[in-house]
Protein backbone atom coordinates (compact mmCIF):
# COMPACT_ATOMS: atom_id res chain seq x y z
CA LEU A 1 -17.29 -16.45 3.43
CA ALA A 2 -14.30 -18.87 2.90
CA ALA A 3 -13.12 -16.52 0.52
CA ILE A 4 -12.52 -13.60 2.20
CA GLY A 5 -11.48 -15.67 5.80
CA ALA A 6 -8.29 -17.16 3.24
CA CYS A 7 -7.34 -13.65 1.86
CA ALA A 8 -7.65 -12.79 5.73
CA GLY A 9 -5.62 -15.25 6.77
CA LEU A 10 -2.58 -14.15 3.95
CA VAL A 11 -3.05 -10.75 4.85
CA GLU A 12 -2.57 -11.59 8.61
CA ARG A 13 0.06 -13.42 8.17
CA GLY A 14 1.84 -11.66 5.75
CA ASP A 15 1.08 -7.47 6.49
CA PRO A 16 -0.05 -7.47 10.12
CA ASP A 17 0.12 -3.89 9.89
CA ARG A 18 -2.47 -3.94 7.71
CA PHE A 19 -4.30 -6.55 8.99
CA ALA A 20 -4.53 -4.88 12.19
CA ALA A 21 -6.23 -1.72 10.20
CA VAL A 22 -8.60 -3.77 9.18
CA MET A 23 -9.84 -5.28 12.41
CA ALA A 24 -10.03 -1.48 13.31
CA ALA A 25 -12.54 -0.86 10.00
CA PRO A 26 -16.26 -1.63 10.57
CA VAL A 27 -17.22 -5.29 10.24
CA ALA A 28 -19.14 -3.93 6.83
CA ALA A 29 -15.95 -2.91 5.35
CA ARG A 30 -13.43 -5.77 6.14
CA GLY A 31 -14.27 -8.12 3.16
CA PRO A 32 -12.99 -5.29 0.52
CA LEU A 33 -10.24 -4.45 2.30
CA PHE A 34 -9.10 -7.60 2.80
CA VAL A 35 -9.26 -8.70 -0.55
CA LEU A 36 -7.35 -5.92 -1.91
CA TYR A 37 -4.82 -5.87 0.97
CA ALA A 38 -4.63 -9.81 -0.17
CA PHE A 39 -4.21 -8.87 -3.36
CA ASN A 40 -1.41 -6.42 -3.31
CA LEU A 41 0.66 -8.52 -0.79
CA GLU A 42 0.66 -11.70 -3.18
CA VAL A 43 1.59 -9.47 -5.95
CA ALA A 44 4.00 -7.77 -3.70
CA ARG A 45 5.74 -10.77 -3.22
CA ALA A 46 5.89 -12.25 -7.02
CA PRO A 47 9.44 -10.26 -7.69
CA TRP A 48 11.08 -12.25 -4.76
CA VAL A 49 10.01 -15.55 -4.62
CA THR A 50 12.11 -16.71 -7.42
CA LYS A 51 15.64 -15.74 -8.22
CA GLU A 52 14.70 -15.83 -12.17
CA PRO A 53 13.45 -12.35 -13.71
CA MET A 54 11.67 -14.15 -16.95
CA ILE A 55 9.59 -16.21 -13.63
CA ALA A 56 9.12 -13.40 -11.63
CA GLU A 57 8.13 -11.53 -15.10
CA MET A 58 5.77 -13.70 -15.89
CA ARG A 59 3.78 -14.28 -11.85
CA LEU A 60 3.27 -10.45 -12.95
CA GLN A 61 1.70 -11.27 -15.58
CA TRP A 62 -0.51 -13.31 -14.30
CA TRP A 63 -1.94 -10.57 -11.84
CA ARG A 64 -2.86 -8.40 -14.97
CA ASP A 65 -4.41 -11.38 -16.77
CA VAL A 66 -6.38 -11.50 -13.84
CA ARG A 67 -7.31 -8.34 -14.32
CA GLY A 68 -8.45 -8.47 -17.65
CA ASP A 69 -10.34 -11.36 -16.80
CA ALA A 70 -12.32 -10.26 -14.57
CA VAL A 71 -13.52 -6.91 -16.88
CA ALA A 72 -14.15 -9.60 -19.02
CA GLY A 73 -16.46 -11.65 -16.88
CA LYS A 74 -14.10 -14.92 -16.09
CA ARG A 75 -13.47 -15.26 -12.87
CA ARG A 76 -10.24 -17.93 -11.60
CA ALA A 77 -10.06 -20.59 -9.31
CA HIS A 78 -7.69 -19.14 -6.85
CA GLU A 79 -8.17 -18.24 -3.39
CA VAL A 80 -7.26 -14.18 -3.81
CA ALA A 81 -8.08 -13.80 -7.62
CA GLY A 82 -11.55 -15.41 -7.82
CA PRO A 83 -12.58 -12.87 -4.43
CA LEU A 84 -10.94 -10.03 -6.30
CA ALA A 85 -12.91 -10.45 -10.04
CA ASP A 86 -15.80 -10.21 -8.07
CA LEU A 87 -14.87 -7.33 -6.08
CA ILE A 88 -13.65 -5.60 -9.69
CA VAL A 89 -17.50 -6.43 -10.97
CA ALA A 90 -19.70 -5.73 -7.86
CA ARG A 91 -17.74 -2.33 -7.10
CA GLY A 92 -16.80 -1.17 -10.28
CA LEU A 93 -13.43 -0.67 -9.90
CA ASP A 94 -10.70 1.15 -11.84
CA VAL A 95 -8.68 -1.59 -13.35
CA ALA A 96 -6.46 0.70 -14.62
CA VAL A 97 -5.41 1.67 -10.62
CA LEU A 98 -4.46 -2.45 -10.32
CA ASP A 99 -2.62 -2.21 -13.50
CA ARG A 100 -0.51 0.16 -12.76
CA LEU A 101 -0.18 -1.73 -9.17
CA VAL A 102 1.06 -4.94 -11.11
CA GLU A 103 3.29 -3.15 -13.29
CA ALA A 104 5.18 -1.15 -11.15
CA ARG A 105 6.19 -4.26 -9.40
CA ARG A 106 8.44 -5.03 -12.03
CA TRP A 107 11.33 -2.45 -10.57
CA ASP A 108 11.47 -5.01 -7.92
CA VAL A 109 12.68 -7.52 -10.31
CA TYR A 110 15.40 -6.53 -11.00
CA THR A 111 18.45 -4.75 -9.38
CA ASP A 112 18.94 -1.61 -10.67
CA PRO A 113 18.31 1.97 -8.64
CA PHE A 114 15.68 4.54 -9.34
CA GLU A 115 16.56 6.92 -12.13
CA ASP A 116 15.90 9.51 -10.38
CA ALA A 117 13.52 11.16 -7.52
CA ALA A 118 10.21 11.27 -9.72
CA ALA A 119 11.06 7.69 -10.78
CA LEU A 120 10.49 6.76 -6.77
CA GLU A 121 7.54 8.80 -6.19
CA ALA A 122 5.93 7.50 -9.70
CA TYR A 123 6.73 3.87 -7.93
CA LEU A 124 4.77 4.54 -4.44
CA ASP A 125 2.07 6.65 -6.30
CA ASP A 126 1.43 2.94 -8.58
CA THR A 127 1.76 0.84 -5.60
CA ALA A 128 1.24 1.93 -1.62
CA ALA A 129 -0.99 5.28 -3.02
CA GLY A 130 -2.54 3.33 -5.68
CA LEU A 131 -3.65 0.27 -3.34
CA MET A 132 -4.85 3.38 -1.33
CA TRP A 133 -7.50 4.41 -3.66
CA ALA A 134 -8.83 0.92 -4.71
CA ALA A 135 -9.77 0.11 -1.36
CA ALA A 136 -11.78 3.66 -0.72
CA GLN A 137 -13.07 3.08 -3.94
CA ALA A 138 -14.45 -0.57 -3.12
CA LEU A 139 -16.24 1.43 0.08
CA GLY A 140 -17.74 4.14 -1.81
CA ALA A 141 -15.54 6.69 -3.03
CA ARG A 142 -15.87 9.53 -5.34
CA PRO A 143 -13.85 10.23 -8.31
CA ALA A 144 -13.39 14.27 -6.68
CA ASP A 145 -11.65 12.02 -3.39
CA GLU A 146 -8.74 10.61 -5.48
CA ALA A 147 -6.55 13.65 -4.85
CA ALA A 148 -6.85 13.58 -1.46
CA VAL A 149 -6.51 9.65 -0.41
CA ARG A 150 -3.20 8.98 -2.89
CA GLY A 151 -1.79 11.70 -1.06
CA LEU A 152 -2.03 10.11 2.24
CA GLY A 153 -1.15 6.68 0.50
CA TRP A 154 2.04 8.28 -1.02
CA ALA A 155 2.83 9.02 2.28
CA THR A 156 1.83 5.78 3.99
CA GLY A 157 4.10 4.23 1.04
CA LEU A 158 6.91 6.38 2.07
CA ALA A 159 7.31 5.08 5.32
CA ASN A 160 6.59 1.80 4.98
CA TYR A 161 9.30 2.01 2.00
CA LEU A 162 11.70 3.41 4.20
CA ARG A 163 11.35 0.55 7.13
CA ALA A 164 12.15 -1.87 4.40
CA VAL A 165 15.38 0.26 2.79
CA PRO A 166 17.74 -2.24 5.13
CA ASP A 167 16.34 -5.91 3.75
CA LEU A 168 16.03 -4.10 0.02
CA GLU A 169 19.66 -3.30 0.08
CA ALA A 170 20.72 -6.89 2.15
CA ARG A 171 18.66 -8.48 -1.20
CA GLY A 172 21.55 -6.33 -3.48
CA ARG A 173 18.58 -3.41 -4.41
CA LEU A 174 19.73 0.05 -4.31
CA PRO A 175 16.44 1.52 -2.89
CA LEU A 176 17.19 5.39 -2.38
CA VAL A 177 18.25 7.96 -4.99
CA ASP A 178 20.23 9.46 -2.29
CA GLY A 179 20.64 7.66 0.95
CA ARG A 180 22.77 10.39 2.38
CA PRO A 181 20.60 11.76 5.68
CA GLU A 182 19.91 14.93 4.69
CA ALA A 183 18.79 13.82 2.09
CA VAL A 184 16.29 10.98 3.14
CA ALA A 185 15.29 13.70 5.79
CA ALA A 186 13.81 16.02 2.70
CA LEU A 187 12.23 12.86 1.71
CA ALA A 188 10.45 12.53 4.82
CA ARG A 189 9.44 16.42 5.05
CA ARG A 190 7.97 15.46 1.12
CA GLY A 191 5.77 12.61 2.50
CA LEU A 192 4.70 14.91 5.69
CA ALA A 193 4.02 17.62 3.08
CA ARG A 194 1.84 15.17 1.05
CA LEU A 195 0.07 13.86 4.37
CA ALA A 196 -0.80 17.42 5.21
CA SER A 197 -1.80 18.65 1.95
CA SER A 198 -4.03 15.61 1.77
CA ARG A 199 -6.08 16.37 5.38
CA PRO A 200 -8.77 19.02 4.84
CA GLY A 201 -9.89 16.26 1.50
CA LEU A 202 -9.79 13.57 3.44
CA ARG A 203 -12.30 15.33 6.11
CA SER A 204 -15.38 15.02 3.16
CA LEU A 205 -14.88 11.44 2.23
CA PRO A 206 -17.81 9.74 2.28
CA VAL A 207 -18.31 8.16 5.75
CA GLY A 208 -18.44 4.82 4.04
CA ALA A 209 -14.78 4.96 2.38
CA ARG A 210 -13.25 6.18 5.46
CA PRO A 211 -12.01 2.19 6.81
CA ALA A 212 -9.35 2.62 3.63
CA LEU A 213 -7.36 5.26 5.60
CA ILE A 214 -6.77 3.06 8.77
CA ALA A 215 -4.02 1.91 7.15
CA GLY A 216 -2.40 4.98 7.23
CA TRP A 217 -2.17 5.59 10.71
CA GLN A 218 1.38 5.05 11.63
CA ALA A 219 2.95 7.42 8.81
CA ASP A 220 2.79 10.49 10.64
CA GLY A 221 4.89 9.32 13.62
CA LEU A 222 7.24 7.32 11.74
CA LEU A 223 8.09 9.87 8.67
CA ARG A 224 8.26 12.40 12.10
CA GLN A 225 10.46 10.09 12.97
CA VAL A 226 12.81 10.14 10.52
CA MET A 227 12.41 13.57 9.67
CA ALA A 228 14.05 14.15 13.40
CA GLU A 229 16.88 11.30 12.84
CA PRO A 230 17.04 10.23 8.89
CA ARG A 231 19.94 7.96 10.48
CA ARG A 232 17.18 5.49 12.06
CA VAL A 233 16.48 4.60 8.27
CA ALA A 234 19.92 2.79 7.20
CA GLU A 235 20.06 1.54 10.68
CA GLY A 236 16.72 -0.20 10.95
CA ARG A 237 15.45 1.77 13.86
CA MET A 238 11.92 3.41 12.55
CA GLY A 239 9.22 2.11 14.59
CA LEU A 240 6.65 3.17 17.08
CA SER A 241 6.87 2.29 20.36
CA GLU A 242 3.65 -0.03 21.10
CA PHE A 243 1.97 3.00 23.31
CA ALA A 244 1.88 5.20 20.11
CA ARG A 245 0.95 2.04 17.57
CA ARG A 246 -2.14 1.45 19.55
CA LEU A 247 -2.95 4.77 20.16
CA GLY A 248 -2.91 5.96 16.48
CA LEU A 249 -4.24 3.03 15.52
CA ILE A 250 -8.11 3.67 18.32
CA LYS A 251 -7.69 7.43 16.75
CA ALA A 252 -7.74 6.05 12.92
CA GLY A 253 -9.98 3.83 13.76
CA VAL A 254 -12.48 5.24 15.92
CA PHE A 255 -12.26 8.81 15.24
CA GLY A 256 -10.97 8.95 11.41
CA ARG A 257 -7.89 10.96 12.61
CA VAL A 258 -4.85 10.15 10.67
């Protein structure tokens, strides 16, 4: 319980939207979600805590080694790595998914832009979509559910990524392959299409795995906002009203609607 509490504290401080999503989930689902979201937060932070690329690469490799150690039955004495190793073993998580999540973050270490739109899409698939699939798998999702869960995860990742564009630019990154308003609107449409195509499959997701979807509660509203007014991205004006946020979270948590 202490280990889960430490993970929960990290998520509460560093990823308040996902913390709210976990707190809207049944109590039984919270432990695995907090562990995976804390792991994701630690990995996402790794490229930004130093200006030395080699050190950032070493931090990411450390997390890849954690995954390998867990498979070998080794548990590191770390507030997130330890519970993560326990979760991998207990729930039989696909460690290749976690490995790709870490590897994808190497892009954040450097200032090179994405080569093309396909590279950005792959980044979102390995990070946000991979995280949502790992969370669903930890809660009992079946292999047949992967495509639908990843669709929602990808759309969620895109919405979050677009919100981060001004900050990434301030840090010297080139986050968008094409930053023209019409291209940004098209990207949002792509996300909405992925979201729409995932919904039929999500309806058949096992009940116990559905809390993994709650983290996507803002994706639809944010992407529709960008599609209608793409300049919000560059101007840092993305965001739902507090009423819309609360209503969306209730729908996702109580009714499973995202």
